[in-house]
C-alpha atoms as a PDB file:
ATOM      1  CA  MET A   1     140.905 107.697 119.865  1.00  0.00           C
ATOM      2  CA  GLU A   2     137.469 106.113 119.995  1.00  0.00           C
ATOM      3  CA  ALA A   3     136.794 102.929 118.060  1.00  0.00           C
ATOM      4  CA  PHE A   4     135.427 103.457 114.564  1.00  0.00           C
ATOM      5  CA  PHE A   5     132.549 101.037 115.196  1.00  0.00           C
ATOM      6  CA  ASN A   6     130.391 101.233 118.298  1.00  0.00           C
ATOM      7  CA  ALA A   7     129.004  97.762 119.018  1.00  0.00           C
ATOM      8  CA  GLU A   8     126.023  99.121 120.940  1.00  0.00           C
ATOM      9  CA  TYR A   9     124.916 101.326 118.041  1.00  0.00           C
ATOM     10  CA  ILE A  10     125.296  98.467 115.563  1.00  0.00           C
ATOM     11  CA  ILE A  11     123.176  96.154 117.719  1.00  0.00           C
ATOM     12  CA  ARG A  12     120.413  98.762 117.848  1.00  0.00           C
ATOM     13  CA  LEU A  13     120.494  99.269 114.081  1.00  0.00           C
ATOM     14  CA  PHE A  14     120.306  95.551 113.320  1.00  0.00           C
ATOM     15  CA  LEU A  15     117.506  95.063 115.834  1.00  0.00           C
ATOM     16  CA  ALA A  16     115.558  97.892 114.177  1.00  0.00           C
ATOM     17  CA  LEU A  17     116.133  96.224 110.801  1.00  0.00           C
ATOM     18  CA  ALA A  18     114.893  92.843 112.091  1.00  0.00           C
ATOM     19  CA  LEU A  19     111.800  94.271 113.773  1.00  0.00           C
ATOM     20  CA  GLY A  20     110.973  96.411 110.742  1.00  0.00           C
ATOM     21  CA  PHE A  21     111.264  93.258 108.640  1.00  0.00           C
ATOM     22  CA  SER A  22     108.763  91.475 110.916  1.00  0.00           C
ATOM     23  CA  LEU A  23     106.157  94.203 110.455  1.00  0.00           C
ATOM     24  CA  GLY A  24     106.805  94.627 106.745  1.00  0.00           C
ATOM     25  CA  LEU A  25     106.559  90.902 106.079  1.00  0.00           C
ATOM     26  CA  GLU A  26     102.921  90.802 107.191  1.00  0.00           C
ATOM     27  CA  ARG A  27     102.073  93.747 104.929  1.00  0.00           C
ATOM     28  CA  GLU A  28     104.021  92.206 102.042  1.00  0.00           C
ATOM     29  CA  LEU A  29     102.248  88.854 102.365  1.00  0.00           C
ATOM     30  CA  THR A  30      98.875  90.607 102.214  1.00  0.00           C
ATOM     31  CA  ASN A  31      99.891  92.575  99.076  1.00  0.00           C
ATOM     32  CA  LYS A  32      99.790  96.052 100.586  1.00  0.00           C
ATOM     33  CA  TYR A  33     101.398  99.068  98.951  1.00  0.00           C
ATOM     34  CA  ALA A  34     103.930  99.571 101.755  1.00  0.00           C
ATOM     35  CA  GLY A  35     105.703  96.273 102.333  1.00  0.00           C
ATOM     36  CA  LEU A  36     109.075  94.938 103.417  1.00  0.00           C
ATOM     37  CA  ARG A  37     111.410  97.648 102.165  1.00  0.00           C
ATOM     38  CA  THR A  38     109.244 100.538 103.317  1.00  0.00           C
ATOM     39  CA  HIS A  39     108.805  99.237 106.870  1.00  0.00           C
ATOM     40  CA  ILE A  40     112.467  98.274 107.207  1.00  0.00           C
ATOM     41  CA  LEU A  41     113.626 101.710 106.052  1.00  0.00           C
ATOM     42  CA  VAL A  42     111.139 103.553 108.279  1.00  0.00           C
ATOM     43  CA  CYS A  43     112.167 101.545 111.347  1.00  0.00           C
ATOM     44  CA  LEU A  44     115.869 101.840 110.548  1.00  0.00           C
ATOM     45  CA  GLY A  45     115.616 105.566 109.803  1.00  0.00           C
ATOM     46  CA  ALA A  46     113.775 106.264 113.052  1.00  0.00           C
ATOM     47  CA  CYS A  47     116.479 104.359 114.926  1.00  0.00           C
ATOM     48  CA  ILE A  48     119.244 106.404 113.274  1.00  0.00           C
ATOM     49  CA  PHE A  49     117.562 109.731 114.003  1.00  0.00           C
ATOM     50  CA  THR A  50     117.048 108.697 117.618  1.00  0.00           C
ATOM     51  CA  LEU A  51     120.704 107.707 117.949  1.00  0.00           C
ATOM     52  CA  LEU A  52     121.736 111.064 116.493  1.00  0.00           C
ATOM     53  CA  SER A  53     119.333 112.879 118.761  1.00  0.00           C
ATOM     54  CA  ILE A  54     120.651 111.190 121.910  1.00  0.00           C
ATOM     55  CA  TYR A  55     124.356 110.869 121.195  1.00  0.00           C
ATOM     56  CA  ALA A  56     125.497 113.090 118.330  1.00  0.00           C
ATOM     57  CA  PHE A  57     124.356 116.556 119.298  1.00  0.00           C
ATOM     58  CA  PRO A  58     125.467 116.466 122.955  1.00  0.00           C
ATOM     59  CA  THR A  59     128.917 115.490 121.621  1.00  0.00           C
ATOM     60  CA  PHE A  60     128.993 118.484 119.313  1.00  0.00           C
ATOM     61  CA  ALA A  61     127.735 120.781 122.070  1.00  0.00           C
ATOM     62  CA  THR A  62     130.884 120.631 124.203  1.00  0.00           C
ATOM     63  CA  GLY A  63     133.864 122.894 124.762  1.00  0.00           C
ATOM     64  CA  ASP A  64     133.669 126.062 122.694  1.00  0.00           C
ATOM     65  CA  ASN A  65     130.243 125.094 121.366  1.00  0.00           C
ATOM     66  CA  VAL A  66     128.500 125.096 124.753  1.00  0.00           C
ATOM     67  CA  ASP A  67     127.469 128.745 124.592  1.00  0.00           C
ATOM     68  CA  ILE A  68     126.111 128.331 121.063  1.00  0.00           C
ATOM     69  CA  ALA A  69     124.291 125.168 122.078  1.00  0.00           C
ATOM     70  CA  GLN A  70     122.662 126.852 125.040  1.00  0.00           C
ATOM     71  CA  ALA A  71     121.638 129.811 122.881  1.00  0.00           C
ATOM     72  CA  THR A  72     120.144 127.707 120.096  1.00  0.00           C
ATOM     73  CA  GLY A  73     118.682 124.920 122.215  1.00  0.00           C
ATOM     74  CA  ILE A  74     120.622 122.229 120.368  1.00  0.00           C
ATOM     75  CA  ARG A  75     121.223 120.466 123.674  1.00  0.00           C
ATOM     76  CA  ASP A  76     117.535 119.502 123.732  1.00  0.00           C
ATOM     77  CA  THR A  77     118.050 115.933 122.528  1.00  0.00           C
ATOM     78  CA  SER A  78     114.327 115.362 122.010  1.00  0.00           C
ATOM     79  CA  ARG A  79     114.017 117.900 119.195  1.00  0.00           C
ATOM     80  CA  VAL A  80     115.179 115.669 116.346  1.00  0.00           C
ATOM     81  CA  ALA A  81     113.374 112.592 117.655  1.00  0.00           C
ATOM     82  CA  ALA A  82     110.146 114.579 117.980  1.00  0.00           C
ATOM     83  CA  GLN A  83     110.236 115.400 114.275  1.00  0.00           C
ATOM     84  CA  ILE A  84     110.153 111.694 113.395  1.00  0.00           C
ATOM     85  CA  VAL A  85     106.496 111.600 114.414  1.00  0.00           C
ATOM     86  CA  THR A  86     105.763 114.557 112.133  1.00  0.00           C
ATOM     87  CA  GLY A  87     107.775 113.196 109.225  1.00  0.00           C
ATOM     88  CA  ILE A  88     106.196 109.750 109.302  1.00  0.00           C
ATOM     89  CA  GLY A  89     102.814 111.404 108.772  1.00  0.00           C
ATOM     90  CA  PHE A  90     103.799 112.360 105.216  1.00  0.00           C
ATOM     91  CA  ILE A  91     104.773 108.782 104.370  1.00  0.00           C
ATOM     92  CA  GLY A  92     101.654 107.358 105.986  1.00  0.00           C
ATOM     93  CA  ALA A  93      99.439 109.771 104.073  1.00  0.00           C
ATOM     94  CA  GLY A  94     100.746 108.312 100.820  1.00  0.00           C
ATOM     95  CA  THR A  95      99.291 104.899 101.677  1.00  0.00           C
ATOM     96  CA  VAL A  96      95.756 106.156 102.355  1.00  0.00           C
ATOM     97  CA  LEU A  97      93.307 106.001  99.441  1.00  0.00           C
ATOM     98  CA  ARG A  98      89.741 107.262  99.288  1.00  0.00           C
ATOM     99  CA  ASN A  99      86.977 106.180  96.972  1.00  0.00           C
ATOM    100  CA  GLY A 100      83.688 107.927  97.722  1.00  0.00           C
ATOM    101  CA  PRO A 101      82.736 107.245 101.341  1.00  0.00           C
ATOM    102  CA  MET A 102      85.250 104.389 101.664  1.00  0.00           C
ATOM    103  CA  VAL A 103      88.818 104.863 102.895  1.00  0.00           C
ATOM    104  CA  PHE A 104      91.605 102.313 102.372  1.00  0.00           C
ATOM    105  CA  GLY A 105      95.153 102.035 103.656  1.00  0.00           C
ATOM    106  CA  LEU A 106      94.647 103.259 107.215  1.00  0.00           C
ATOM    107  CA  THR A 107      95.985 100.016 108.685  1.00  0.00           C
ATOM    108  CA  THR A 108      99.149 100.256 106.591  1.00  0.00           C
ATOM    109  CA  ALA A 109      99.599 103.906 107.601  1.00  0.00           C
ATOM    110  CA  ALA A 110      99.226 102.934 111.261  1.00  0.00           C
ATOM    111  CA  THR A 111     101.745 100.112 110.776  1.00  0.00           C
ATOM    112  CA  LEU A 112     104.297 102.588 109.404  1.00  0.00           C
ATOM    113  CA  TRP A 113     103.652 104.822 112.412  1.00  0.00           C
ATOM    114  CA  ILE A 114     104.232 101.877 114.764  1.00  0.00           C
ATOM    115  CA  ALA A 115     107.383 100.918 112.815  1.00  0.00           C
ATOM    116  CA  ALA A 116     108.782 104.401 113.443  1.00  0.00           C
ATOM    117  CA  SER A 117     108.067 104.159 117.165  1.00  0.00           C
ATOM    118  CA  ILE A 118     109.734 100.734 117.332  1.00  0.00           C
ATOM    119  CA  GLY A 119     112.774 102.155 115.557  1.00  0.00           C
ATOM    120  CA  MET A 120     112.914 104.977 118.101  1.00  0.00           C
ATOM    121  CA  ALA A 121     112.743 102.451 120.950  1.00  0.00           C
ATOM    122  CA  CYS A 122     115.665 100.546 119.401  1.00  0.00           C
ATOM    123  CA  GLY A 123     117.657 103.746 119.041  1.00  0.00           C
ATOM    124  CA  ALA A 124     117.031 104.607 122.683  1.00  0.00           C
ATOM    125  CA  GLY A 125     118.206 101.161 123.785  1.00  0.00           C
ATOM    126  CA  MET A 126     114.762 100.080 125.018  1.00  0.00           C
ATOM    127  CA  TYR A 127     115.020  96.595 123.550  1.00  0.00           C
ATOM    128  CA  ASP A 128     112.262  95.065 125.655  1.00  0.00           C
ATOM    129  CA  VAL A 129     109.773  97.741 124.585  1.00  0.00           C
ATOM    130  CA  ALA A 130     110.741  97.384 120.911  1.00  0.00           C
ATOM    131  CA  ILE A 131     110.473  93.583 120.838  1.00  0.00           C
ATOM    132  CA  ILE A 132     107.216  93.377 122.794  1.00  0.00           C
ATOM    133  CA  ALA A 133     105.675  96.160 120.674  1.00  0.00           C
ATOM    134  CA  THR A 134     106.602  94.257 117.506  1.00  0.00           C
ATOM    135  CA  VAL A 135     105.093  91.003 118.783  1.00  0.00           C
ATOM    136  CA  LEU A 136     101.882  92.774 119.797  1.00  0.00           C
ATOM    137  CA  SER A 137     101.664  94.644 116.482  1.00  0.00           C
ATOM    138  CA  VAL A 138     102.092  91.498 114.378  1.00  0.00           C
ATOM    139  CA  ALA A 139      99.514  89.744 116.565  1.00  0.00           C
ATOM    140  CA  VAL A 140      97.025  92.564 116.014  1.00  0.00           C
ATOM    141  CA  LEU A 141      97.580  92.538 112.248  1.00  0.00           C
ATOM    142  CA  THR A 142      97.111  88.783 111.911  1.00  0.00           C
ATOM    143  CA  LEU A 143      94.831  87.594 114.705  1.00  0.00           C
ATOM    144  CA  ILE A 144      92.385  90.502 114.709  1.00  0.00           C
ATOM    145  CA  ARG A 145      91.746  89.996 110.988  1.00  0.00           C
ATOM    146  CA  ILE A 146      90.786  86.380 111.683  1.00  0.00           C
ATOM    147  CA  LEU A 147      88.524  87.391 114.572  1.00  0.00           C
ATOM    148  CA  GLU A 148      86.822  90.060 112.455  1.00  0.00           C
ATOM    149  CA  ARG A 149      85.943  87.557 109.759  1.00  0.00           C
ATOM    150  CA  GLN A 150      84.617  85.005 112.237  1.00  0.00           C
ATOM    151  CA  LEU A 151      82.807  87.263 114.701  1.00  0.00           C
ATOM    152  CA  LEU A 152      81.608  90.018 112.371  1.00  0.00           C
ATOM    153  CA  PRO A 153      80.473  88.219 109.213  1.00  0.00           C
ATOM    154  CA  SER A 154      77.530  90.542 108.677  1.00  0.00           C
ATOM    155  CA  SER A 155      79.312  93.824 109.321  1.00  0.00           C
ATOM    156  CA  GLY A 156      79.701  96.571 106.745  1.00  0.00           C
ATOM    157  CA  LYS A 157      83.283  95.442 106.141  1.00  0.00           C
ATOM    158  CA  GLN A 158      81.891  92.775 103.819  1.00  0.00           C
ATOM    159  CA  VAL A 159      82.443  95.144 100.908  1.00  0.00           C
ATOM    160  CA  ARG A 160      85.933  94.523  99.596  1.00  0.00           C
ATOM    161  CA  ARG A 161      87.864  96.979  97.460  1.00  0.00           C
ATOM    162  CA  CYS A 162      89.964  94.914  95.069  1.00  0.00           C
ATOM    163  CA  LYS A 163      92.554  95.387  92.366  1.00  0.00           C
ATOM    164  CA  ILE A 164      92.924  92.927  89.514  1.00  0.00           C
ATOM    165  CA  VAL A 165      95.854  92.597  87.104  1.00  0.00           C
ATOM    166  CA  ILE A 166      95.476  90.264  84.119  1.00  0.00           C
ATOM    167  CA  TYR A 167      97.986  89.206  81.465  1.00  0.00           C
ATOM    168  CA  LEU A 168      96.288  87.717  78.421  1.00  0.00           C
ATOM    169  CA  ASN A 169      96.909  86.509  74.899  1.00  0.00           C
ATOM    170  CA  GLY A 170      94.962  87.895  71.971  1.00  0.00           C
ATOM    171  CA  ASN A 171      92.486  90.774  71.887  1.00  0.00           C
ATOM    172  CA  ASP A 172      89.904  89.841  74.490  1.00  0.00           C
ATOM    173  CA  VAL A 173      90.182  93.113  76.412  1.00  0.00           C
ATOM    174  CA  GLU A 174      86.635  94.124  75.518  1.00  0.00           C
ATOM    175  CA  LYS A 175      85.265  90.785  76.778  1.00  0.00           C
ATOM    176  CA  ILE A 176      87.052  91.273  80.092  1.00  0.00           C
ATOM    177  CA  TYR A 177      85.762  94.823  80.409  1.00  0.00           C
ATOM    178  CA  ASN A 178      82.179  93.776  79.683  1.00  0.00           C
ATOM    179  CA  PHE A 179      82.355  90.941  82.197  1.00  0.00           C
ATOM    180  CA  LEU A 180      83.814  93.043  85.004  1.00  0.00           C
ATOM    181  CA  ASN A 181      81.455  95.915  84.291  1.00  0.00           C
ATOM    182  CA  SER A 182      78.460  93.605  84.712  1.00  0.00           C
ATOM    183  CA  TYR A 183      79.800  91.445  87.554  1.00  0.00           C
ATOM    184  CA  VAL A 184      81.465  93.850  90.014  1.00  0.00           C
ATOM    185  CA  ASP A 185      80.480  97.153  91.633  1.00  0.00           C
ATOM    186  CA  ASN A 186      82.028 100.619  91.340  1.00  0.00           C
ATOM    187  CA  MET A 187      84.625  99.653  88.744  1.00  0.00           C
ATOM    188  CA  THR A 188      87.250 102.367  88.265  1.00  0.00           C
ATOM    189  CA  ASP A 189      90.669 102.788  86.678  1.00  0.00           C
ATOM    190  CA  PHE A 190      90.173 100.167  83.978  1.00  0.00           C
ATOM    191  CA  SER A 191      93.190 100.202  81.684  1.00  0.00           C
ATOM    192  CA  SER A 192      94.836  97.979  79.104  1.00  0.00           C
ATOM    193  CA  LYS A 193      98.105  98.132  77.208  1.00  0.00           C
ATOM    194  CA  LYS A 194     100.149  95.978  74.872  1.00  0.00           C
ATOM    195  CA  LEU A 195     103.364  94.499  76.233  1.00  0.00           C
ATOM    196  CA  LEU A 196     106.429  95.998  74.572  1.00  0.00           C
ATOM    197  CA  GLU A 197     108.308  92.700  74.631  1.00  0.00           C
ATOM    198  CA  ASN A 198     105.346  90.853  73.083  1.00  0.00           C
ATOM    199  CA  PRO A 199     102.731  93.021  71.282  1.00  0.00           C
ATOM    200  CA  GLU A 200     100.403  90.019  70.948  1.00  0.00           C
ATOM    201  CA  LYS A 201      99.906  90.029  74.716  1.00  0.00           C
ATOM    202  CA  SER A 202      98.146  92.636  76.855  1.00  0.00           C
ATOM    203  CA  LYS A 203      98.065  93.742  80.465  1.00  0.00           C
ATOM    204  CA  VAL A 204      94.672  94.696  81.912  1.00  0.00           C
ATOM    205  CA  SER A 205      94.112  96.236  85.337  1.00  0.00           C
ATOM    206  CA  SER A 206      91.132  97.612  87.220  1.00  0.00           C
ATOM    207  CA  ILE A 207      89.871  98.478  90.717  1.00  0.00           C
ATOM    208  CA  PHE A 208      86.380  97.565  91.907  1.00  0.00           C
ATOM    209  CA  ASP A 209      84.193  96.469  94.846  1.00  0.00           C
ATOM    210  CA  LEU A 210      83.084  92.923  95.680  1.00  0.00           C
ATOM    211  CA  ASN A 211      80.366  92.061  98.173  1.00  0.00           C
ATOM    212  CA  ASN A 212      81.965  88.882  99.523  1.00  0.00           C
ATOM    213  CA  LYS A 213      85.039  86.691  99.259  1.00  0.00           C
ATOM    214  CA  ARG A 214      83.185  83.982  97.351  1.00  0.00           C
ATOM    215  CA  MET A 215      82.942  86.352  94.383  1.00  0.00           C
ATOM    216  CA  MET A 216      86.734  86.617  94.319  1.00  0.00           C
ATOM    217  CA  LYS A 217      87.004  82.872  93.684  1.00  0.00           C
ATOM    218  CA  GLU A 218      84.268  82.980  91.041  1.00  0.00           C
ATOM    219  CA  ILE A 219      86.037  85.692  89.071  1.00  0.00           C
ATOM    220  CA  TYR A 220      89.025  83.423  88.398  1.00  0.00           C
ATOM    221  CA  GLY A 221      86.899  80.696  86.828  1.00  0.00           C
ATOM    222  CA  LYS A 222      84.636  83.002  84.827  1.00  0.00           C
ATOM    223  CA  LEU A 223      87.505  85.014  83.352  1.00  0.00           C
ATOM    224  CA  ARG A 224      89.366  81.894  82.252  1.00  0.00           C
ATOM    225  CA  ASN A 225      86.233  80.771  80.416  1.00  0.00           C
ATOM    226  CA  ILE A 226      85.899  83.960  78.374  1.00  0.00           C
ATOM    227  CA  ALA A 227      89.548  84.760  77.546  1.00  0.00           C
ATOM    228  CA  GLU A 228      92.932  83.105  77.044  1.00  0.00           C
ATOM    229  CA  LEU A 229      94.825  84.251  80.115  1.00  0.00           C
ATOM    230  CA  ASP A 230      98.457  83.929  81.163  1.00  0.00           C
ATOM    231  CA  SER A 231      97.914  85.011  84.753  1.00  0.00           C
ATOM    232  CA  ILE A 232      95.479  86.744  87.107  1.00  0.00           C
ATOM    233  CA  THR A 233      96.379  88.614  90.290  1.00  0.00           C
ATOM    234  CA  LEU A 234      93.517  89.720  92.530  1.00  0.00           C
ATOM    235  CA  GLN A 235      94.243  91.512  95.797  1.00  0.00           C
ATOM    236  CA  GLU A 236      92.238  93.301  98.474  1.00  0.00           C
ATOM    237  CA  LEU A 237      92.927  96.983  99.163  1.00  0.00           C
ATOM    238  CA  ASN A 238      90.823  97.357 102.304  1.00  0.00           C
ATOM    239  CA  ASP A 239      93.556  97.364 104.952  1.00  0.00           C
END
């Protein structure tokens, strides 16, 4: 009787988890929609499907099942793994947003795609490929952003799509709306609601464009001067 736990499979699963964590951490730290949990699960899931594709089906296609396997093609161990690439497209599409001519979330979608490929490499036992691919991917996500800002300061990527979430005391929602409407560009999805646990407080959120990063810093100071705020969260949506 075979052992219940296969050490080799477990190593591959934990490596996929660790490498998925490395990719997801960068996205999480930059406040992207798909962060730690999403990247870990994508990488881990791709690893599991690859393990099943390589080891499970050939095991089932033995003895009396050989004729059925040959007739149905189930012995083609690449069939399940190939569908990972198709399936990850649906998840990646959910991270892509479009506002007029501008598209956001492509980098996160590509990171999910890479996470799936790294998970497949782990499942196939190609540890060197998986680890090197993770290091290169994290380097691209972090270092290239720095190079873009230093070498391409005048490029069209100056326009930043941002989301702001504000928690405030009192009824200064109209003041905040008027300020944002006059200060930022292409403001959309402005909403406000009272907090159920404290009706005297409100949550305000909106999405808009800023022409440069300096304006992001100015918004904090100007908003605190016109309203009594508990907290402000301002994040970029460009990547």
